[in-house]
Amino acid sequence: MSDHISGPRALAAPIADITDVYAFPSPENEGHLVLVVNTLPFAPPDGRLSDGLIYRFRVRPLTLRSHPVGTGVYDVGTEEFVFDCVFSEPSEAGVQTGVCHTPAGERISFPVDDPEGGKGGGVRVFAGPRRDPFILDAPAALKTIATGRLAFTESSTIYLDGKNVLSVVIEVDAAQMFGTGTDLVGVVAETLTRGRLNVRIERTGRPEVKNLLLAPKQFDQVNRDLEIRDLYNMEDGFHLADGYLGAYRARLNANLAFWDGLDGQLAWPPNEDGNHPLVDLVLADHLVVDVSKPYLEQGSFLEIERAALGGTVHRTCGGRALNDDVMDTFFTVLINAGTGPAIRDGVDRSTRPASRTFPYLAEPNPAPPQPPAHE
């Protein structure tokens, strides 16, 4: 799941469907930031990216507040660094070329599915099919929502393990691109239509915001019949418009309360406005990364946000690494605020972990599982 098939438009146009976004300091090169966007659930091992899309990363500086107001624990800067990747139409032999437009105005050309990628101006780019790194017992998560009882088991498997995705990986020298002193950044990835009119189809920051926190309708007494994810996908990840903000808040208040109640304990009492304390943080839907901290695979996801909410100094790089079992952290924070036992989904690692060398993701599975008929 994560962001796989996160709404009717993603289901109708799977080539534009963002499955996951990752952002982490490079384990290879100190001071470099790695950005990864995966698309197309159940991609074939020889799949090619769309020549009708823009694959975009947006990066903005963040400033932590010394005294957080409500749950907005950091301010988003107005300066933005945009990386746009576009692709040629594949030849009959499957040959395809990509071009990355950097914030510095460079155009980096590279062949698709070449592990060396392309380089220029402190930026390195790869694109091509890779093995899906997402770790979750998705059926158990959906069963939990359907039954109102935790359905995770001690030992489980990744849903349709061995799936492939189409990946775009960008590694950037942070100081050269963003300037010295810009260590804390927010990251959003998007797919947009290519041409004179660029329409945002999908945008993703943190995992499972759409599928586990916005998709369930049955707990929302305000907008029970509203499929809200396509509206949310069209929003600017750094600045939500006012039009549907009330609908997002109502849905999140209902669903966050559902997850909190699964253990019979109230870990997140409503704040003075009657809202769940995590609503504003969830709506600030971008990965938060500190490029000055070293690469870390376990324990970094949400650590920056949680430290700021608690009034302490963060210790890790935050963000999201490819091998990080982020869903255990996700469920634990939602259900007991991290003050109780870890909530495990029974899956701790990928059967083909990512590497610590560019382009990081594991090579595609030559014989991936096929999607179920209803997918």
Protein backbone atom coordinates (compact mmCIF):
# COMPACT_ATOMS: atom_id res chain seq x y z
CA MET A 1 0.00 0.00 0.00
CA SER A 2 1.95 3.01 1.34
CA ASP A 3 0.78 5.25 -1.50
CA HIS A 4 0.01 2.47 -3.96
CA ILE A 5 -3.38 2.91 -5.69
CA SER A 6 -4.17 5.93 -3.52
CA GLY A 7 -7.40 7.05 -5.13
CA PRO A 8 -9.61 6.63 -8.21
CA ARG A 9 -7.30 8.60 -10.50
CA ALA A 10 -4.29 6.51 -9.49
CA LEU A 11 -6.31 3.39 -10.22
CA ALA A 12 -7.35 4.79 -13.62
CA ALA A 13 -3.82 5.97 -14.55
CA PRO A 14 -1.38 3.63 -12.77
CA ILE A 15 1.64 4.94 -14.74
CA ALA A 16 1.26 8.18 -12.73
CA ASP A 17 0.58 6.42 -9.42
CA ILE A 18 3.25 7.24 -6.83
CA THR A 19 3.83 4.16 -4.68
CA ASP A 20 6.44 5.56 -2.29
CA VAL A 21 8.76 8.48 -1.62
CA TYR A 22 12.07 8.29 0.26
CA ALA A 23 14.54 10.97 1.32
CA PHE A 24 17.73 10.32 3.30
CA PRO A 25 21.38 11.40 3.59
CA SER A 26 23.56 9.41 1.23
CA PRO A 27 25.32 6.46 2.90
CA GLU A 28 27.99 6.81 0.19
CA ASN A 29 28.70 10.53 0.09
CA GLU A 30 28.62 12.72 3.19
CA GLY A 31 26.57 15.88 2.75
CA HIS A 32 24.53 14.47 -0.14
CA LEU A 33 20.75 14.07 -0.07
CA VAL A 34 19.09 11.13 -1.84
CA LEU A 35 15.57 11.54 -3.24
CA VAL A 36 13.58 8.53 -4.49
CA VAL A 37 10.12 8.37 -6.04
CA ASN A 38 8.62 5.03 -7.07
CA THR A 39 5.67 4.76 -9.43
CA LEU A 40 3.50 2.21 -11.25
CA PRO A 41 2.48 -0.63 -8.92
CA PHE A 42 3.25 -4.04 -10.45
CA ALA A 43 5.64 -2.63 -13.06
CA PRO A 44 7.09 -5.14 -15.55
CA PRO A 45 10.84 -5.83 -15.25
CA ASP A 46 11.44 -4.04 -18.58
CA GLY A 47 9.03 -1.17 -17.85
CA ARG A 48 9.68 2.37 -19.03
CA LEU A 49 8.65 5.72 -17.62
CA SER A 50 5.94 7.84 -19.20
CA ASP A 51 6.86 10.41 -21.84
CA GLY A 52 3.61 12.21 -20.93
CA LEU A 53 4.53 12.96 -17.32
CA ILE A 54 6.79 15.19 -15.28
CA TYR A 55 8.34 13.40 -12.30
CA ARG A 56 9.00 16.19 -9.82
CA PHE A 57 10.77 16.58 -6.47
CA ARG A 58 10.16 19.74 -4.46
CA VAL A 59 12.50 20.66 -1.61
CA ARG A 60 12.03 23.53 0.83
CA PRO A 61 14.09 24.65 3.85
CA LEU A 62 12.43 24.15 7.23
CA THR A 63 12.94 26.00 10.50
CA LEU A 64 12.09 24.35 13.80
CA ARG A 65 10.14 26.49 16.23
CA SER A 66 11.78 26.93 19.63
CA HIS A 67 8.32 27.00 21.23
CA PRO A 68 5.91 24.99 19.06
CA VAL A 69 2.48 26.50 18.65
CA GLY A 70 -0.19 23.80 18.58
CA THR A 71 1.16 20.96 16.47
CA GLY A 72 2.91 22.95 13.75
CA VAL A 73 6.44 22.25 14.91
CA TYR A 74 8.34 23.91 12.06
CA ASP A 75 7.98 26.71 9.54
CA VAL A 76 8.28 26.05 5.81
CA GLY A 77 10.50 28.43 3.90
CA THR A 78 9.32 30.21 0.76
CA GLU A 79 12.42 29.32 -1.29
CA GLU A 80 11.91 26.15 -3.30
CA PHE A 81 14.26 23.82 -5.16
CA VAL A 82 12.58 21.85 -7.95
CA PHE A 83 13.97 18.83 -9.79
CA ASP A 84 11.95 17.85 -12.87
CA CYS A 85 12.60 14.61 -14.76
CA VAL A 86 11.05 13.97 -18.18
CA PHE A 87 11.47 11.08 -20.58
CA SER A 88 11.50 10.37 -24.30
CA GLU A 89 9.10 7.98 -25.95
CA PRO A 90 10.69 4.51 -25.77
CA SER A 91 12.00 3.11 -29.04
CA GLU A 92 10.76 -0.20 -30.40
CA ALA A 93 13.77 -1.79 -28.72
CA GLY A 94 12.82 -0.21 -25.38
CA VAL A 95 15.58 2.40 -25.39
CA GLN A 96 14.61 5.53 -23.49
CA THR A 97 16.38 8.73 -22.44
CA GLY A 98 15.64 10.92 -19.46
CA VAL A 99 16.46 14.55 -18.76
CA CYS A 100 16.65 16.04 -15.27
CA HIS A 101 16.15 19.80 -14.98
CA THR A 102 17.87 21.00 -11.81
CA PRO A 103 17.17 24.12 -9.71
CA ALA A 104 20.49 25.52 -10.98
CA GLY A 105 19.20 25.43 -14.55
CA GLU A 106 21.24 22.42 -15.70
CA ARG A 107 19.85 19.71 -17.99
CA ILE A 108 21.30 16.30 -17.14
CA SER A 109 20.67 13.68 -19.82
CA PHE A 110 20.88 9.99 -18.97
CA PRO A 111 19.86 6.60 -20.40
CA VAL A 112 17.01 4.88 -18.60
CA ASP A 113 17.93 1.67 -16.74
CA ASP A 114 21.64 2.49 -16.62
CA PRO A 115 22.88 2.01 -13.02
CA GLU A 116 25.53 4.69 -13.59
CA GLY A 117 22.84 7.22 -14.45
CA GLY A 118 23.76 10.76 -15.41
CA LYS A 119 25.84 13.38 -13.59
CA GLY A 120 26.32 17.12 -13.57
CA GLY A 121 26.52 20.12 -11.24
CA GLY A 122 26.55 18.13 -8.02
CA VAL A 123 23.58 15.99 -9.11
CA ARG A 124 23.36 12.33 -10.10
CA VAL A 125 20.21 10.77 -11.61
CA PHE A 126 18.92 7.26 -12.27
CA ALA A 127 15.59 6.01 -13.60
CA GLY A 128 14.30 2.56 -14.41
CA PRO A 129 12.52 -0.51 -13.04
CA ARG A 130 13.52 -1.64 -9.54
CA ARG A 131 12.19 -3.99 -6.90
CA ASP A 132 9.53 -2.42 -4.68
CA PRO A 133 11.16 -1.83 -1.25
CA PHE A 134 7.94 -1.21 0.70
CA ILE A 135 7.55 -3.34 3.85
CA LEU A 136 4.02 -4.08 5.16
CA ASP A 137 1.46 -6.81 5.73
CA ALA A 138 -1.15 -4.78 3.84
CA PRO A 139 -4.06 -7.25 4.13
CA ALA A 140 -3.69 -7.23 7.92
CA ALA A 141 -3.75 -3.42 7.98
CA LEU A 142 -6.97 -3.38 5.94
CA LYS A 143 -8.48 -6.12 8.12
CA THR A 144 -7.69 -4.00 11.19
CA ILE A 145 -9.70 -1.12 9.72
CA ALA A 146 -12.56 -3.39 8.69
CA THR A 147 -12.88 -5.21 12.03
CA GLY A 148 -11.76 -2.57 14.51
CA ARG A 149 -9.27 -5.01 16.00
CA LEU A 150 -5.52 -5.30 15.46
CA ALA A 151 -5.04 -8.08 12.91
CA PHE A 152 -1.25 -8.19 12.85
CA THR A 153 0.52 -11.45 13.66
CA GLU A 154 3.97 -12.14 15.08
CA SER A 155 5.30 -13.33 11.72
CA SER A 156 3.94 -12.38 8.31
CA THR A 157 4.97 -11.58 4.74
CA ILE A 158 5.07 -8.57 2.46
CA TYR A 159 1.95 -8.35 0.31
CA LEU A 160 2.82 -9.90 -3.08
CA ASP A 161 6.52 -9.84 -2.25
CA GLY A 162 8.76 -9.28 -5.27
CA LYS A 163 6.71 -6.58 -6.98
CA ASN A 164 8.52 -4.09 -9.20
CA VAL A 165 8.09 -0.32 -9.54
CA LEU A 166 9.47 2.38 -11.82
CA SER A 167 11.98 4.48 -9.87
CA VAL A 168 13.56 7.90 -10.20
CA VAL A 169 16.57 8.46 -7.93
CA ILE A 170 18.33 11.81 -7.53
CA GLU A 171 21.41 12.33 -5.37
CA VAL A 172 22.36 15.95 -4.77
CA ASP A 173 25.25 17.72 -3.07
CA ALA A 174 23.15 19.59 -0.50
CA ALA A 175 25.55 22.46 0.23
CA GLN A 176 26.23 23.08 -3.46
CA MET A 177 22.55 23.05 -4.39
CA PHE A 178 20.79 24.49 -1.35
CA GLY A 179 23.59 26.57 0.17
CA THR A 180 25.56 26.06 3.36
CA GLY A 181 23.47 26.08 6.52
CA THR A 182 20.37 24.63 4.86
CA ASP A 183 20.34 21.33 6.73
CA LEU A 184 16.68 20.76 7.58
CA VAL A 185 14.47 20.34 4.52
CA GLY A 186 10.99 19.16 3.57
CA VAL A 187 10.56 16.87 0.55
CA VAL A 188 7.50 16.20 -1.62
CA ALA A 189 7.34 14.19 -4.85
CA GLU A 190 4.74 14.69 -7.57
CA THR A 191 3.63 13.39 -10.94
CA LEU A 192 2.16 15.97 -13.31
CA THR A 193 0.92 16.04 -16.87
CA ARG A 194 3.54 17.21 -19.34
CA GLY A 195 2.85 19.98 -21.84
CA ARG A 196 1.53 23.52 -21.74
CA LEU A 197 -0.79 22.77 -18.84
CA ASN A 198 0.82 20.85 -15.97
CA VAL A 199 -1.87 19.22 -13.83
CA ARG A 200 -0.80 17.56 -10.59
CA ILE A 201 -2.00 13.95 -10.60
CA GLU A 202 -0.35 12.68 -7.43
CA ARG A 203 1.77 14.11 -4.65
CA THR A 204 3.27 12.23 -1.75
CA GLY A 205 5.25 13.00 1.39
CA ARG A 206 4.89 10.60 4.30
CA PRO A 207 3.71 7.01 3.78
CA GLU A 208 0.12 5.86 4.33
CA VAL A 209 -1.40 9.30 4.84
CA LYS A 210 -3.85 8.68 2.01
CA ASN A 211 -4.57 4.96 2.24
CA LEU A 212 -4.73 4.47 6.02
CA LEU A 213 -5.57 7.95 7.34
CA LEU A 214 -7.74 9.50 4.59
CA ALA A 215 -9.30 6.56 2.73
CA PRO A 216 -11.49 4.98 5.47
CA LYS A 217 -14.90 6.67 5.42
CA GLN A 218 -16.89 4.78 8.03
CA PHE A 219 -15.60 6.68 11.06
CA ASP A 220 -16.11 10.16 9.57
CA GLN A 221 -19.51 11.50 10.63
CA VAL A 222 -19.11 14.71 8.60
CA ASN A 223 -18.09 13.49 5.12
CA ARG A 224 -18.91 9.79 5.23
CA ASP A 225 -19.66 9.53 1.49
CA LEU A 226 -16.71 11.58 0.24
CA GLU A 227 -13.75 9.92 -1.55
CA ILE A 228 -11.27 12.54 -0.46
CA ARG A 229 -7.94 11.27 -1.78
CA ASP A 230 -8.10 12.70 -5.30
CA LEU A 231 -8.87 16.13 -3.87
CA TYR A 232 -5.94 15.77 -1.50
CA ASN A 233 -3.61 14.66 -4.31
CA MET A 234 -4.30 17.86 -6.25
CA GLU A 235 -3.27 20.07 -3.31
CA ASP A 236 0.08 21.79 -2.90
CA GLY A 237 1.96 19.65 -0.37
CA PHE A 238 3.52 22.74 1.20
CA HIS A 239 0.39 24.92 1.27
CA LEU A 240 -3.11 23.49 1.50
CA ALA A 241 -5.90 25.64 0.11
CA ASP A 242 -8.83 26.54 2.38
CA GLY A 243 -11.50 24.92 0.22
CA TYR A 244 -11.34 21.34 1.52
CA LEU A 245 -9.29 21.89 4.68
CA GLY A 246 -12.30 21.30 6.92
CA ALA A 247 -13.03 18.01 5.16
CA TYR A 248 -9.44 16.83 5.60
CA ARG A 249 -9.51 17.73 9.28
CA ALA A 250 -12.80 15.92 9.88
CA ARG A 251 -11.54 12.76 8.16
CA LEU A 252 -8.21 12.81 10.02
CA ASN A 253 -9.82 13.50 13.40
CA ALA A 254 -12.07 10.48 12.91
CA ASN A 255 -9.43 8.09 11.61
CA LEU A 256 -6.65 9.12 13.97
CA ALA A 257 -9.06 8.56 16.87
CA PHE A 258 -9.83 5.10 15.46
CA TRP A 259 -6.15 4.10 15.44
CA ASP A 260 -5.61 5.56 18.92
CA GLY A 261 -8.46 3.48 20.32
CA LEU A 262 -7.30 0.10 19.07
CA ASP A 263 -5.47 -0.76 22.31
CA GLY A 264 -8.26 0.52 24.57
CA GLN A 265 -6.10 3.41 25.79
CA LEU A 266 -6.28 7.12 25.00
CA ALA A 267 -2.76 8.17 24.02
CA TRP A 268 -3.76 11.33 22.14
CA PRO A 269 -6.46 13.31 24.02
CA PRO A 270 -8.02 16.08 21.87
CA ASN A 271 -6.42 19.49 22.16
CA GLU A 272 -8.21 22.65 23.28
CA ASP A 273 -9.79 23.01 19.82
CA GLY A 274 -11.16 19.49 19.95
CA ASN A 275 -8.75 18.24 17.30
CA HIS A 276 -6.49 15.21 17.45
CA PRO A 277 -2.99 16.52 18.31
CA LEU A 278 -1.48 15.00 15.15
CA VAL A 279 -3.88 16.51 12.60
CA ASP A 280 -1.79 19.55 11.70
CA LEU A 281 1.40 17.52 11.63
CA VAL A 282 -0.16 14.99 9.24
CA LEU A 283 -1.43 17.78 6.99
CA ALA A 284 2.13 19.15 6.78
CA ASP A 285 2.65 16.17 4.50
CA HIS A 286 6.31 16.13 3.54
CA LEU A 287 9.29 14.10 4.64
CA VAL A 288 11.50 16.03 7.07
CA VAL A 289 15.23 15.40 6.65
CA ASP A 290 18.32 16.78 8.39
CA VAL A 291 21.12 16.42 5.84
CA SER A 292 23.77 17.27 8.44
CA LYS A 293 23.08 14.03 10.34
CA PRO A 294 24.53 10.67 9.22
CA TYR A 295 22.55 8.07 7.31
CA LEU A 296 20.44 5.81 9.53
CA GLU A 297 18.23 2.90 8.52
CA GLN A 298 16.21 2.26 11.67
CA GLY A 299 14.80 4.74 14.17
CA SER A 300 14.94 7.92 12.10
CA PHE A 301 11.45 8.02 10.60
CA LEU A 302 9.33 10.69 12.40
CA GLU A 303 12.09 11.20 14.97
CA ILE A 304 12.53 14.88 14.07
CA GLU A 305 8.79 15.59 14.30
CA ARG A 306 8.37 13.66 17.54
CA ALA A 307 11.34 15.39 19.16
CA ALA A 308 9.98 18.80 18.22
CA LEU A 309 6.53 17.95 19.56
CA GLY A 310 8.14 16.89 22.83
CA GLY A 311 10.29 20.02 23.05
CA THR A 312 13.58 18.12 22.69
CA VAL A 313 16.38 18.24 20.14
CA HIS A 314 16.28 15.63 17.39
CA ARG A 315 19.18 13.19 17.19
CA THR A 316 18.82 11.62 13.76
CA CYS A 317 18.55 12.51 10.10
CA GLY A 318 14.80 11.81 10.02
CA GLY A 319 13.37 11.29 6.56
CA ARG A 320 12.77 7.79 5.30
CA ALA A 321 15.42 5.26 4.31
CA LEU A 322 14.75 2.41 1.88
CA ASN A 323 15.35 -0.38 4.41
CA ASP A 324 13.64 1.34 7.35
CA ASP A 325 10.63 -0.57 8.70
CA VAL A 326 8.66 2.66 8.97
CA MET A 327 5.25 1.04 9.34
CA ASP A 328 6.02 -0.32 12.81
CA THR A 329 6.89 3.24 13.82
CA PHE A 330 3.74 4.55 12.10
CA PHE A 331 1.42 2.16 13.93
CA THR A 332 3.19 2.59 17.28
CA VAL A 333 2.96 6.38 17.17
CA LEU A 334 -0.71 6.36 16.17
CA ILE A 335 -1.82 3.72 18.67
CA ASN A 336 0.19 4.48 21.83
CA ALA A 337 2.20 7.65 21.01
CA GLY A 338 5.40 5.63 21.32
CA THR A 339 4.94 5.26 25.07
CA GLY A 340 3.85 1.61 24.98
CA PRO A 341 5.02 -1.58 23.32
CA ALA A 342 5.99 -1.48 19.67
CA ILE A 343 3.10 -2.30 17.34
CA ARG A 344 4.53 -4.73 14.77
CA ASP A 345 2.87 -5.82 11.56
CA GLY A 346 4.94 -9.02 11.50
CA VAL A 347 7.19 -7.92 8.63
CA ASP A 348 10.54 -6.41 9.59
CA ARG A 349 12.64 -6.40 6.44
CA SER A 350 12.59 -6.83 2.69
CA THR A 351 13.62 -10.14 1.19
CA ARG A 352 15.89 -8.13 -1.16
CA PRO A 353 17.15 -5.14 0.86
CA ALA A 354 18.35 -1.95 -0.78
CA SER A 355 22.10 -1.37 -0.98
CA ARG A 356 24.28 1.50 0.25
CA THR A 357 25.55 2.36 -3.23
CA PHE A 358 23.87 4.34 -6.00
CA PRO A 359 21.12 3.83 -7.21
CA TYR A 360 20.41 2.05 -3.90
CA LEU A 361 17.25 0.13 -4.86
CA ALA A 362 17.51 -3.59 -5.60
CA GLU A 363 17.44 -4.71 -9.23
CA PRO A 364 14.00 -5.59 -10.59
CA ASN A 365 12.52 -9.03 -10.16
CA PRO A 366 12.64 -10.74 -13.59
CA ALA A 367 9.51 -12.77 -12.71
CA PRO A 368 7.37 -10.55 -10.45
CA PRO A 369 4.01 -11.66 -9.02
CA GLN A 370 0.98 -10.60 -10.99
CA PRO A 371 -1.61 -8.30 -9.43
CA PRO A 372 -4.89 -9.81 -8.29
CA ALA A 373 -7.70 -9.53 -10.83
CA HIS A 374 -9.48 -6.80 -8.83
CA GLU A 375 -6.36 -4.59 -8.89
